[in-house]
Structure formats: structure tokens, C-alpha cells
Amino acid sequence: MFGNLFGKLGPESIPVHEPIIMGTVAVIAVVAALLLGAITYFRK
């Protein structure tokens, strides 16, 4: 059922050899994790 969910997109579509894109994704992931952690830590 979910085998064709993304069409021709697959793991080989991830641009792991593009440092600007992967750096941006890494920074966004770290900021999102810090934000989620801050929201849960400072919750009233």
C-alpha cells in the first residue's frame, strides 16, 4: 500500500554530497531539537 507513496523518490534522492544543503538540514535539525527541548523544559 505504501510502497509507491513517494513515487520515484527514495533514499538515493537525498543530496548527501551537497555540503550546503546537508549543513542547512543539520542546523535546522539542531535548532528544532533545542527549541523542542526548551519548550518542554520551561513549560509552566
Protein backbone atom coordinates (compact mmCIF):
# COMPACT_ATOMS: atom_id res chain seq x y z
CA MET A 1 0.00 0.00 0.00
CA PHE A 2 2.73 2.48 0.95
CA GLY A 3 5.34 1.13 -1.48
CA ASN A 4 4.61 3.82 -4.09
CA LEU A 5 3.76 6.63 -1.66
CA PHE A 6 6.62 8.90 -2.75
CA GLY A 7 6.76 7.80 -6.38
CA LYS A 8 10.33 7.80 -7.67
CA LEU A 9 11.73 9.47 -4.55
CA GLY A 10 13.85 7.22 -2.40
CA PRO A 11 16.91 7.26 -0.18
CA GLU A 12 19.11 7.85 -3.23
CA SER A 13 17.33 11.19 -3.75
CA ILE A 14 18.89 12.69 -0.59
CA PRO A 15 21.73 15.03 -1.67
CA VAL A 16 24.36 13.77 0.79
CA HIS A 17 27.23 15.07 -1.35
CA GLU A 18 26.00 18.69 -1.30
CA PRO A 19 27.59 20.25 1.80
CA ILE A 20 25.50 23.43 1.79
CA ILE A 21 22.21 21.54 1.73
CA MET A 22 23.28 18.96 4.31
CA GLY A 23 24.73 21.67 6.58
CA THR A 24 21.48 23.59 6.41
CA VAL A 25 19.48 20.46 7.23
CA ALA A 26 21.78 19.72 10.18
CA VAL A 27 21.44 23.27 11.56
CA ILE A 28 17.66 23.17 11.21
CA ALA A 29 17.53 19.79 12.99
CA VAL A 30 19.69 21.05 15.88
CA VAL A 31 17.65 24.25 16.25
CA ALA A 32 14.40 22.26 16.17
CA ALA A 33 15.71 19.87 18.84
CA LEU A 34 16.86 22.76 21.03
CA LEU A 35 13.54 24.55 20.61
CA LEU A 36 11.57 21.42 21.47
CA GLY A 37 13.80 20.81 24.47
CA ALA A 38 13.42 24.41 25.67
CA ILE A 39 9.64 24.28 25.29
CA THR A 40 9.41 21.09 27.33
CA TYR A 41 11.96 22.24 29.96
CA PHE A 42 10.50 25.69 30.58
CA ARG A 43 6.85 24.60 30.41
CA LYS A 44 4.75 26.13 33.18
